Amino acid sequence: SNPQLSPNRFLQSQADRTDPVPVYREQVDFSQILGSLVPGYKYPYYL
């Protein structure tokens, strides 16, 4: 539902990955984990 995202800019987890990809608050491994990307789903990205 987010109109700011371009409809052709999507990500998904690597094809060989079966576990969720962690989503961090900041660009560091030790940052708080906000959630995860579910394998098989496409997610819009900003940059």
All heavy atoms as atom14 arrays in JSON, in Angstrom:
{
  "sequence": "SNPQLSPNRFLQSQADRTDPVPVYREQVDFSQILGSLVPGYKYPYYL",
  "atom14_mask": [
    [1, 1, 1, 1, 1, 1, 0, 0, 0, 0, 0, 0, 0, 0],
    [1, 1, 1, 1, 1, 1, 1, 1, 0, 0, 0, 0, 0, 0],
    [1, 1, 1, 1, 1, 1, 1, 0, 0, 0, 0, 0, 0, 0],
    [1, 1, 1, 1, 1, 1, 1, 1, 1, 0, 0, 0, 0, 0],
    [1, 1, 1, 1, 1, 1, 1, 1, 0, 0, 0, 0, 0, 0],
    [1, 1, 1, 1, 1, 1, 0, 0, 0, 0, 0, 0, 0, 0],
    [1, 1, 1, 1, 1, 1, 1, 0, 0, 0, 0, 0, 0, 0],
    [1, 1, 1, 1, 1, 1, 1, 1, 0, 0, 0, 0, 0, 0],
    [1, 1, 1, 1, 1, 1, 1, 1, 1, 1, 1, 0, 0, 0],
    [1, 1, 1, 1, 1, 1, 1, 1, 1, 1, 1, 0, 0, 0],
    [1, 1, 1, 1, 1, 1, 1, 1, 0, 0, 0, 0, 0, 0],
    [1, 1, 1, 1, 1, 1, 1, 1, 1, 0, 0, 0, 0, 0],
    [1, 1, 1, 1, 1, 1, 0, 0, 0, 0, 0, 0, 0, 0],
    [1, 1, 1, 1, 1, 1, 1, 1, 1, 0, 0, 0, 0, 0],
    [1, 1, 1, 1, 1, 0, 0, 0, 0, 0, 0, 0, 0, 0],
    [1, 1, 1, 1, 1, 1, 1, 1, 0, 0, 0, 0, 0, 0],
    [1, 1, 1, 1, 1, 1, 1, 1, 1, 1, 1, 0, 0, 0],
    [1, 1, 1, 1, 1, 1, 1, 0, 0, 0, 0, 0, 0, 0],
    [1, 1, 1, 1, 1, 1, 1, 1, 0, 0, 0, 0, 0, 0],
    [1, 1, 1, 1, 1, 1, 1, 0, 0, 0, 0, 0, 0, 0],
    [1, 1, 1, 1, 1, 1, 1, 0, 0, 0, 0, 0, 0, 0],
    [1, 1, 1, 1, 1, 1, 1, 0, 0, 0, 0, 0, 0, 0],
    [1, 1, 1, 1, 1, 1, 1, 0, 0, 0, 0, 0, 0, 0],
    [1, 1, 1, 1, 1, 1, 1, 1, 1, 1, 1, 1, 0, 0],
    [1, 1, 1, 1, 1, 1, 1, 1, 1, 1, 1, 0, 0, 0],
    [1, 1, 1, 1, 1, 1, 1, 1, 1, 0, 0, 0, 0, 0],
    [1, 1, 1, 1, 1, 1, 1, 1, 1, 0, 0, 0, 0, 0],
    [1, 1, 1, 1, 1, 1, 1, 0, 0, 0, 0, 0, 0, 0],
    [1, 1, 1, 1, 1, 1, 1, 1, 0, 0, 0, 0, 0, 0],
    [1, 1, 1, 1, 1, 1, 1, 1, 1, 1, 1, 0, 0, 0],
    [1, 1, 1, 1, 1, 1, 0, 0, 0, 0, 0, 0, 0, 0],
    [1, 1, 1, 1, 1, 1, 1, 1, 1, 0, 0, 0, 0, 0],
    [1, 1, 1, 1, 1, 1, 1, 1, 0, 0, 0, 0, 0, 0],
    [1, 1, 1, 1, 1, 1, 1, 1, 0, 0, 0, 0, 0, 0],
    [1, 1, 1, 1, 0, 0, 0, 0, 0, 0, 0, 0, 0, 0],
    [1, 1, 1, 1, 1, 1, 0, 0, 0, 0, 0, 0, 0, 0],
    [1, 1, 1, 1, 1, 1, 1, 1, 0, 0, 0, 0, 0, 0],
    [1, 1, 1, 1, 1, 1, 1, 0, 0, 0, 0, 0, 0, 0],
    [1, 1, 1, 1, 1, 1, 1, 0, 0, 0, 0, 0, 0, 0],
    [1, 1, 1, 1, 0, 0, 0, 0, 0, 0, 0, 0, 0, 0],
    [1, 1, 1, 1, 1, 1, 1, 1, 1, 1, 1, 1, 0, 0],
    [1, 1, 1, 1, 1, 1, 1, 1, 1, 0, 0, 0, 0, 0],
    [1, 1, 1, 1, 1, 1, 1, 1, 1, 1, 1, 1, 0, 0],
    [1, 1, 1, 1, 1, 1, 1, 0, 0, 0, 0, 0, 0, 0],
    [1, 1, 1, 1, 1, 1, 1, 1, 1, 1, 1, 1, 0, 0],
    [1, 1, 1, 1, 1, 1, 1, 1, 1, 1, 1, 1, 0, 0],
    [1, 1, 1, 1, 1, 1, 1, 1, 0, 0, 0, 0, 0, 0]
  ],
  "atom14_positions": [
    [[0.79, -1.22, 0.0], [0.0, 0.0, 0.0], [0.83, 1.28, 0.0], [0.29, 2.36, -0.04], [-0.91, 0.02, 1.23], [-0.12, 0.11, 2.41], [0.0, 0.0, 0.0], [0.0, 0.0, 0.0], [0.0, 0.0, 0.0], [0.0, 0.0, 0.0], [0.0, 0.0, 0.0], [0.0, 0.0, 0.0], [0.0, 0.0, 0.0], [0.0, 0.0, 0.0]],
    [[2.15, 1.18, 0.05], [2.98, 2.37, 0.17], [3.2, 3.0, -1.21], [3.91, 2.44, -2.04], [4.32, 2.02, 0.81], [5.11, 3.26, 1.2], [4.98, 4.3, 0.57], [5.9, 3.15, 2.23], [0.0, 0.0, 0.0], [0.0, 0.0, 0.0], [0.0, 0.0, 0.0], [0.0, 0.0, 0.0], [0.0, 0.0, 0.0], [0.0, 0.0, 0.0]],
    [[2.62, 4.18, -1.48], [2.73, 4.79, -2.81], [4.12, 5.35, -3.12], [4.4, 5.67, -4.26], [1.7, 5.93, -2.75], [1.6, 6.27, -1.31], [1.84, 4.99, -0.55], [0.0, 0.0, 0.0], [0.0, 0.0, 0.0], [0.0, 0.0, 0.0], [0.0, 0.0, 0.0], [0.0, 0.0, 0.0], [0.0, 0.0, 0.0], [0.0, 0.0, 0.0]],
    [[5.0, 5.47, -2.13], [6.33, 6.03, -2.36], [7.25, 5.04, -3.06], [8.3, 5.4, -3.57], [6.98, 6.44, -1.04], [6.23, 7.51, -0.29], [6.82, 7.76, 1.07], [7.88, 7.25, 1.4], [6.15, 8.54, 1.86], [0.0, 0.0, 0.0], [0.0, 0.0, 0.0], [0.0, 0.0, 0.0], [0.0, 0.0, 0.0], [0.0, 0.0, 0.0]],
    [[6.89, 3.77, -3.07], [7.77, 2.75, -3.63], [7.5, 2.54, -5.1], [6.37, 2.48, -5.53], [7.58, 1.42, -2.88], [7.92, 1.45, -1.4], [7.6, 0.11, -0.78], [9.36, 1.81, -1.18], [0.0, 0.0, 0.0], [0.0, 0.0, 0.0], [0.0, 0.0, 0.0], [0.0, 0.0, 0.0], [0.0, 0.0, 0.0], [0.0, 0.0, 0.0]],
    [[8.56, 2.43, -5.86], [8.44, 2.12, -7.28], [8.04, 0.65, -7.41], [8.59, -0.2, -6.73], [9.79, 2.37, -7.95], [9.77, 1.88, -9.26], [0.0, 0.0, 0.0], [0.0, 0.0, 0.0], [0.0, 0.0, 0.0], [0.0, 0.0, 0.0], [0.0, 0.0, 0.0], [0.0, 0.0, 0.0], [0.0, 0.0, 0.0], [0.0, 0.0, 0.0]],
    [[7.1, 0.33, -8.29], [6.6, -1.04, -8.37], [7.59, -2.05, -8.94], [7.35, -3.24, -8.88], [5.38, -0.92, -9.27], [5.62, 0.31, -10.07], [6.42, 1.23, -9.19], [0.0, 0.0, 0.0], [0.0, 0.0, 0.0], [0.0, 0.0, 0.0], [0.0, 0.0, 0.0], [0.0, 0.0, 0.0], [0.0, 0.0, 0.0], [0.0, 0.0, 0.0]],
    [[8.71, -1.6, -9.5], [9.66, -2.55, -10.09], [10.92, -2.71, -9.25], [11.91, -3.22, -9.72], [10.02, -2.14, -11.52], [10.71, -0.8, -11.58], [10.68, -0.02, -10.62], [11.34, -0.51, -12.69], [0.0, 0.0, 0.0], [0.0, 0.0, 0.0], [0.0, 0.0, 0.0], [0.0, 0.0, 0.0], [0.0, 0.0, 0.0], [0.0, 0.0, 0.0]],
    [[10.9, -2.25, -8.0], [12.08, -2.37, -7.14], [11.74, -3.28, -5.97], [11.14, -2.85, -5.0], [12.51, -0.99, -6.65], [12.94, -0.08, -7.79], [13.26, 1.3, -7.32], [14.44, 1.28, -6.49], [14.87, 2.3, -5.77], [14.19, 3.42, -5.75], [15.95, 2.22, -5.04], [0.0, 0.0, 0.0], [0.0, 0.0, 0.0], [0.0, 0.0, 0.0]],
    [[12.09, -4.56, -6.12], [11.76, -5.54, -5.11], [12.97, -6.4, -4.76], [13.89, -6.55, -5.56], [10.63, -6.46, -5.59], [9.31, -5.77, -5.72], [8.91, -5.24, -6.93], [8.46, -5.64, -4.63], [7.7, -4.6, -7.07], [7.24, -5.01, -4.76], [6.85, -4.48, -5.98], [0.0, 0.0, 0.0], [0.0, 0.0, 0.0], [0.0, 0.0, 0.0]],
    [[12.91, -6.97, -3.57], [13.92, -7.91, -3.09], [13.22, -9.18, -2.65], [12.06, -9.16, -2.27], [14.63, -7.36, -1.84], [15.4, -6.07, -1.93], [15.87, -5.67, -0.54], [16.58, -6.25, -2.85], [0.0, 0.0, 0.0], [0.0, 0.0, 0.0], [0.0, 0.0, 0.0], [0.0, 0.0, 0.0], [0.0, 0.0, 0.0], [0.0, 0.0, 0.0]],
    [[13.98, -10.26, -2.64], [13.55, -11.46, -1.95], [14.8, -12.17, -1.45], [15.91, -11.86, -1.88], [12.69, -12.36, -2.82], [13.37, -12.99, -3.99], [12.39, -13.83, -4.81], [11.2, -13.6, -4.81], [12.91, -14.79, -5.53], [0.0, 0.0, 0.0], [0.0, 0.0, 0.0], [0.0, 0.0, 0.0], [0.0, 0.0, 0.0], [0.0, 0.0, 0.0]],
    [[14.62, -13.09, -0.52], [15.77, -13.79, 0.02], [16.43, -14.62, -1.07], [15.8, -14.97, -2.07], [15.36, -14.67, 1.21], [14.43, -15.64, 0.81], [0.0, 0.0, 0.0], [0.0, 0.0, 0.0], [0.0, 0.0, 0.0], [0.0, 0.0, 0.0], [0.0, 0.0, 0.0], [0.0, 0.0, 0.0], [0.0, 0.0, 0.0], [0.0, 0.0, 0.0]],
    [[17.72, -14.91, -0.9], [18.45, -15.72, -1.88], [17.69, -17.02, -2.13], [17.08, -17.57, -1.23], [19.86, -16.04, -1.36], [20.76, -14.84, -1.26], [21.3, -14.38, -2.61], [21.02, -14.95, -3.66], [22.06, -13.31, -2.59], [0.0, 0.0, 0.0], [0.0, 0.0, 0.0], [0.0, 0.0, 0.0], [0.0, 0.0, 0.0], [0.0, 0.0, 0.0]],
    [[17.72, -17.5, -3.36], [16.94, -18.67, -3.76], [17.23, -19.91, -2.93], [16.35, -20.71, -2.67], [17.18, -18.96, -5.24], [0.0, 0.0, 0.0], [0.0, 0.0, 0.0], [0.0, 0.0, 0.0], [0.0, 0.0, 0.0], [0.0, 0.0, 0.0], [0.0, 0.0, 0.0], [0.0, 0.0, 0.0], [0.0, 0.0, 0.0], [0.0, 0.0, 0.0]],
    [[18.48, -20.08, -2.49], [18.85, -21.28, -1.74], [18.59, -21.13, -0.23], [18.86, -22.03, 0.54], [20.31, -21.63, -1.98], [21.27, -20.53, -1.56], [20.81, -19.39, -1.3], [22.48, -20.79, -1.52], [0.0, 0.0, 0.0], [0.0, 0.0, 0.0], [0.0, 0.0, 0.0], [0.0, 0.0, 0.0], [0.0, 0.0, 0.0], [0.0, 0.0, 0.0]],
    [[18.04, -20.01, 0.17], [17.83, -19.74, 1.6], [16.43, -20.19, 2.02], [15.45, -19.85, 1.38], [18.02, -18.25, 1.86], [18.03, -17.91, 3.31], [18.32, -16.44, 3.52], [18.29, -16.18, 4.93], [19.32, -15.72, 5.63], [20.44, -15.45, 5.04], [19.2, -15.52, 6.92], [0.0, 0.0, 0.0], [0.0, 0.0, 0.0], [0.0, 0.0, 0.0]],
    [[16.35, -20.93, 3.12], [15.06, -21.4, 3.61], [14.67, -20.74, 4.93], [13.52, -20.82, 5.35], [15.06, -22.93, 3.81], [16.11, -23.27, 4.7], [15.24, -23.65, 2.48], [0.0, 0.0, 0.0], [0.0, 0.0, 0.0], [0.0, 0.0, 0.0], [0.0, 0.0, 0.0], [0.0, 0.0, 0.0], [0.0, 0.0, 0.0], [0.0, 0.0, 0.0]],
    [[15.62, -20.08, 5.59], [15.32, -19.4, 6.84], [15.08, -17.92, 6.58], [15.56, -17.36, 5.6], [16.44, -19.6, 7.87], [17.8, -19.15, 7.35], [18.09, -19.36, 6.16], [18.58, -18.58, 8.13], [0.0, 0.0, 0.0], [0.0, 0.0, 0.0], [0.0, 0.0, 0.0], [0.0, 0.0, 0.0], [0.0, 0.0, 0.0], [0.0, 0.0, 0.0]],
    [[14.31, -17.24, 7.44], [14.02, -15.82, 7.25], [15.29, -14.95, 7.3], [16.25, -15.27, 7.99], [13.1, -15.48, 8.42], [12.52, -16.78, 8.84], [13.59, -17.8, 8.58], [0.0, 0.0, 0.0], [0.0, 0.0, 0.0], [0.0, 0.0, 0.0], [0.0, 0.0, 0.0], [0.0, 0.0, 0.0], [0.0, 0.0, 0.0], [0.0, 0.0, 0.0]],
    [[15.27, -13.84, 6.56], [16.37, -12.87, 6.53], [16.07, -11.8, 7.58], [15.02, -11.17, 7.53], [16.5, -12.22, 5.14], [17.56, -11.13, 5.14], [16.8, -13.27, 4.09], [0.0, 0.0, 0.0], [0.0, 0.0, 0.0], [0.0, 0.0, 0.0], [0.0, 0.0, 0.0], [0.0, 0.0, 0.0], [0.0, 0.0, 0.0], [0.0, 0.0, 0.0]],
    [[16.99, -11.56, 8.54], [16.72, -10.55, 9.55], [16.68, -9.13, 8.97], [17.45, -8.8, 8.07], [17.88, -10.69, 10.54], [18.87, -11.59, 9.92], [18.25, -12.24, 8.73], [0.0, 0.0, 0.0], [0.0, 0.0, 0.0], [0.0, 0.0, 0.0], [0.0, 0.0, 0.0], [0.0, 0.0, 0.0], [0.0, 0.0, 0.0], [0.0, 0.0, 0.0]],
    [[15.77, -8.32, 9.49], [15.64, -6.91, 9.12], [16.08, -6.09, 10.34], [15.51, -6.23, 11.42], [14.2, -6.54, 8.74], [14.09, -5.06, 8.39], [13.72, -7.4, 7.57], [0.0, 0.0, 0.0], [0.0, 0.0, 0.0], [0.0, 0.0, 0.0], [0.0, 0.0, 0.0], [0.0, 0.0, 0.0], [0.0, 0.0, 0.0], [0.0, 0.0, 0.0]],
    [[17.11, -5.27, 10.16], [17.71, -4.51, 11.26], [17.24, -3.06, 11.27], [16.93, -2.49, 10.22], [19.24, -4.52, 11.12], [19.85, -5.89, 11.19], [20.07, -6.64, 10.04], [20.22, -6.45, 12.41], [20.64, -7.9, 10.1], [20.8, -7.71, 12.48], [21.0, -8.43, 11.32], [21.57, -9.68, 11.38], [0.0, 0.0, 0.0], [0.0, 0.0, 0.0]],
    [[17.25, -2.46, 12.44], [16.91, -1.04, 12.59], [17.96, -0.16, 11.91], [17.65, 0.86, 11.31], [16.79, -0.66, 14.06], [16.45, 0.82, 14.26], [16.33, 1.21, 15.72], [15.24, 0.53, 16.38], [13.97, 0.93, 16.35], [13.63, 2.0, 15.69], [13.04, 0.25, 16.98], [0.0, 0.0, 0.0], [0.0, 0.0, 0.0], [0.0, 0.0, 0.0]],
    [[19.23, -0.54, 12.04], [20.34, 0.24, 11.46], [21.22, -0.67, 10.63], [21.06, -1.89, 10.66], [21.15, 0.89, 12.58], [20.31, 1.84, 13.44], [21.08, 2.33, 14.66], [22.25, 2.68, 14.5], [20.5, 2.33, 15.75], [0.0, 0.0, 0.0], [0.0, 0.0, 0.0], [0.0, 0.0, 0.0], [0.0, 0.0, 0.0], [0.0, 0.0, 0.0]],
    [[22.19, -0.09, 9.93], [23.05, -0.84, 9.03], [24.24, -1.47, 9.74], [25.37, -1.35, 9.29], [23.55, 0.09, 7.92], [22.44, 0.61, 7.05], [22.93, 1.73, 6.18], [23.34, 2.78, 6.67], [22.88, 1.54, 4.88], [0.0, 0.0, 0.0], [0.0, 0.0, 0.0], [0.0, 0.0, 0.0], [0.0, 0.0, 0.0], [0.0, 0.0, 0.0]],
    [[23.98, -2.19, 10.81], [25.03, -2.92, 11.53], [24.44, -4.23, 12.06], [23.26, -4.29, 12.41], [25.62, -2.11, 12.72], [26.46, -0.95, 12.22], [24.53, -1.61, 13.64], [0.0, 0.0, 0.0], [0.0, 0.0, 0.0], [0.0, 0.0, 0.0], [0.0, 0.0, 0.0], [0.0, 0.0, 0.0], [0.0, 0.0, 0.0], [0.0, 0.0, 0.0]],
    [[25.27, -5.27, 12.11], [24.82, -6.59, 12.54], [24.29, -6.62, 13.96], [23.47, -7.46, 14.3], [25.95, -7.61, 12.43], [26.36, -7.88, 11.0], [25.55, -7.65, 10.09], [27.5, -8.32, 10.79], [0.0, 0.0, 0.0], [0.0, 0.0, 0.0], [0.0, 0.0, 0.0], [0.0, 0.0, 0.0], [0.0, 0.0, 0.0], [0.0, 0.0, 0.0]],
    [[24.8, -5.75, 14.81], [24.4, -5.78, 16.23], [23.24, -4.85, 16.53], [22.85, -4.68, 17.67], [25.6, -5.45, 17.13], [26.29, -4.16, 16.8], [25.81, -2.95, 17.3], [27.41, -4.15, 15.99], [26.44, -1.77, 16.99], [28.04, -2.96, 15.68], [27.55, -1.77, 16.18], [0.0, 0.0, 0.0], [0.0, 0.0, 0.0], [0.0, 0.0, 0.0]],
    [[22.63, -4.28, 15.49], [21.46, -3.42, 15.66], [20.24, -4.26, 16.05], [20.21, -5.48, 15.84], [21.17, -2.69, 14.35], [20.0, -1.92, 14.44], [0.0, 0.0, 0.0], [0.0, 0.0, 0.0], [0.0, 0.0, 0.0], [0.0, 0.0, 0.0], [0.0, 0.0, 0.0], [0.0, 0.0, 0.0], [0.0, 0.0, 0.0], [0.0, 0.0, 0.0]],
    [[19.23, -3.6, 16.58], [17.98, -4.27, 16.94], [17.35, -4.89, 15.71], [17.3, -4.27, 14.65], [17.02, -3.27, 17.57], [15.66, -3.85, 17.88], [14.67, -2.8, 18.35], [14.97, -1.62, 18.42], [13.47, -3.23, 18.68], [0.0, 0.0, 0.0], [0.0, 0.0, 0.0], [0.0, 0.0, 0.0], [0.0, 0.0, 0.0], [0.0, 0.0, 0.0]],
    [[16.86, -6.12, 15.83], [16.16, -6.79, 14.74], [14.69, -6.43, 14.81], [14.05, -6.62, 15.84], [16.38, -8.31, 14.78], [17.86, -8.62, 14.54], [15.49, -9.01, 13.75], [18.21, -10.08, 14.63], [0.0, 0.0, 0.0], [0.0, 0.0, 0.0], [0.0, 0.0, 0.0], [0.0, 0.0, 0.0], [0.0, 0.0, 0.0], [0.0, 0.0, 0.0]],
    [[14.17, -5.85, 13.72], [12.78, -5.4, 13.67], [11.82, -6.48, 13.19], [10.62, -6.42, 13.45], [12.66, -4.2, 12.73], [13.49, -2.98, 13.07], [13.34, -1.93, 11.98], [13.08, -2.42, 14.42], [0.0, 0.0, 0.0], [0.0, 0.0, 0.0], [0.0, 0.0, 0.0], [0.0, 0.0, 0.0], [0.0, 0.0, 0.0], [0.0, 0.0, 0.0]],
    [[12.34, -7.43, 12.45], [11.51, -8.48, 11.87], [12.37, -9.29, 10.92], [13.59, -9.32, 11.05], [0.0, 0.0, 0.0], [0.0, 0.0, 0.0], [0.0, 0.0, 0.0], [0.0, 0.0, 0.0], [0.0, 0.0, 0.0], [0.0, 0.0, 0.0], [0.0, 0.0, 0.0], [0.0, 0.0, 0.0], [0.0, 0.0, 0.0], [0.0, 0.0, 0.0]],
    [[11.74, -9.92, 9.96], [12.49, -10.72, 9.0], [11.71, -10.81, 7.69], [10.5, -10.6, 7.66], [12.76, -12.11, 9.57], [11.56, -12.74, 9.94], [0.0, 0.0, 0.0], [0.0, 0.0, 0.0], [0.0, 0.0, 0.0], [0.0, 0.0, 0.0], [0.0, 0.0, 0.0], [0.0, 0.0, 0.0], [0.0, 0.0, 0.0], [0.0, 0.0, 0.0]],
    [[12.46, -11.12, 6.63], [11.85, -11.34, 5.31], [11.55, -12.82, 5.18], [12.43, -13.66, 5.39], [12.8, -10.91, 4.19], [13.32, -9.48, 4.21], [14.11, -9.2, 2.93], [12.21, -8.47, 4.38], [0.0, 0.0, 0.0], [0.0, 0.0, 0.0], [0.0, 0.0, 0.0], [0.0, 0.0, 0.0], [0.0, 0.0, 0.0], [0.0, 0.0, 0.0]],
    [[10.33, -13.14, 4.85], [9.9, -14.52, 4.71], [10.34, -15.03, 3.34], [10.07, -14.39, 2.32], [8.36, -14.61, 4.86], [7.89, -16.04, 4.66], [7.92, -14.07, 6.21], [0.0, 0.0, 0.0], [0.0, 0.0, 0.0], [0.0, 0.0, 0.0], [0.0, 0.0, 0.0], [0.0, 0.0, 0.0], [0.0, 0.0, 0.0], [0.0, 0.0, 0.0]],
    [[11.04, -16.19, 3.29], [11.44, -16.73, 2.0], [10.23, -16.94, 1.08], [9.16, -17.34, 1.52], [12.08, -18.08, 2.36], [12.55, -17.89, 3.76], [11.51, -17.01, 4.41], [0.0, 0.0, 0.0], [0.0, 0.0, 0.0], [0.0, 0.0, 0.0], [0.0, 0.0, 0.0], [0.0, 0.0, 0.0], [0.0, 0.0, 0.0], [0.0, 0.0, 0.0]],
    [[10.42, -16.6, -0.21], [9.35, -16.77, -1.18], [8.51, -15.52, -1.42], [7.77, -15.47, -2.39], [0.0, 0.0, 0.0], [0.0, 0.0, 0.0], [0.0, 0.0, 0.0], [0.0, 0.0, 0.0], [0.0, 0.0, 0.0], [0.0, 0.0, 0.0], [0.0, 0.0, 0.0], [0.0, 0.0, 0.0], [0.0, 0.0, 0.0], [0.0, 0.0, 0.0]],
    [[8.61, -14.53, -0.55], [7.87, -13.27, -0.73], [8.78, -12.2, -1.31], [9.98, -12.2, -1.05], [7.32, -12.76, 0.6], [6.11, -13.5, 1.09], [6.25, -14.62, 1.89], [4.83, -13.07, 0.76], [5.14, -15.32, 2.36], [3.72, -13.76, 1.22], [3.88, -14.88, 2.01], [2.79, -15.55, 2.47], [0.0, 0.0, 0.0], [0.0, 0.0, 0.0]],
    [[8.18, -11.29, -2.1], [8.92, -10.14, -2.61], [8.61, -8.94, -1.72], [7.47, -8.74, -1.32], [8.51, -9.82, -4.04], [8.88, -10.9, -5.02], [8.77, -10.46, -6.47], [7.48, -9.81, -6.86], [7.38, -9.55, -8.3], [0.0, 0.0, 0.0], [0.0, 0.0, 0.0], [0.0, 0.0, 0.0], [0.0, 0.0, 0.0], [0.0, 0.0, 0.0]],
    [[9.64, -8.15, -1.44], [9.5, -6.96, -0.59], [9.99, -5.73, -1.35], [11.05, -5.77, -1.97], [10.35, -7.11, 0.68], [9.83, -8.18, 1.59], [10.17, -9.52, 1.4], [8.98, -7.87, 2.64], [9.68, -10.51, 2.23], [8.49, -8.86, 3.49], [8.84, -10.17, 3.27], [8.35, -11.15, 4.09], [0.0, 0.0, 0.0], [0.0, 0.0, 0.0]],
    [[9.24, -4.63, -1.31], [9.7, -3.4, -1.97], [10.88, -2.81, -1.21], [10.97, -2.95, 0.01], [8.48, -2.48, -1.88], [7.72, -2.98, -0.7], [7.96, -4.46, -0.63], [0.0, 0.0, 0.0], [0.0, 0.0, 0.0], [0.0, 0.0, 0.0], [0.0, 0.0, 0.0], [0.0, 0.0, 0.0], [0.0, 0.0, 0.0], [0.0, 0.0, 0.0]],
    [[11.81, -2.17, -1.94], [12.9, -1.5, -1.25], [13.02, -0.06, -1.72], [12.66, 0.28, -2.83], [14.22, -2.27, -1.39], [14.89, -2.2, -2.74], [15.82, -1.22, -3.03], [14.6, -3.14, -3.72], [16.45, -1.17, -4.26], [15.22, -3.11, -4.95], [16.14, -2.12, -5.21], [16.75, -2.06, -6.43], [0.0, 0.0, 0.0], [0.0, 0.0, 0.0]],
    [[13.52, 0.77, -0.81], [13.66, 2.21, -1.06], [14.99, 2.53, -1.72], [15.06, 3.32, -2.64], [13.58, 3.0, 0.25], [12.28, 2.89, 0.98], [12.11, 1.95, 1.98], [11.22, 3.73, 0.68], [10.92, 1.86, 2.68], [10.02, 3.64, 1.36], [9.87, 2.71, 2.36], [8.7, 2.61, 3.04], [0.0, 0.0, 0.0], [0.0, 0.0, 0.0]],
    [[16.08, 1.98, -1.18], [17.4, 2.3, -1.71], [18.41, 1.26, -1.3], [18.16, 0.46, -0.39], [17.84, 3.69, -1.22], [18.02, 3.9, 0.28], [19.47, 3.77, 0.66], [17.53, 5.3, 0.66], [0.0, 0.0, 0.0], [0.0, 0.0, 0.0], [0.0, 0.0, 0.0], [0.0, 0.0, 0.0], [0.0, 0.0, 0.0], [0.0, 0.0, 0.0]]
  ]
}
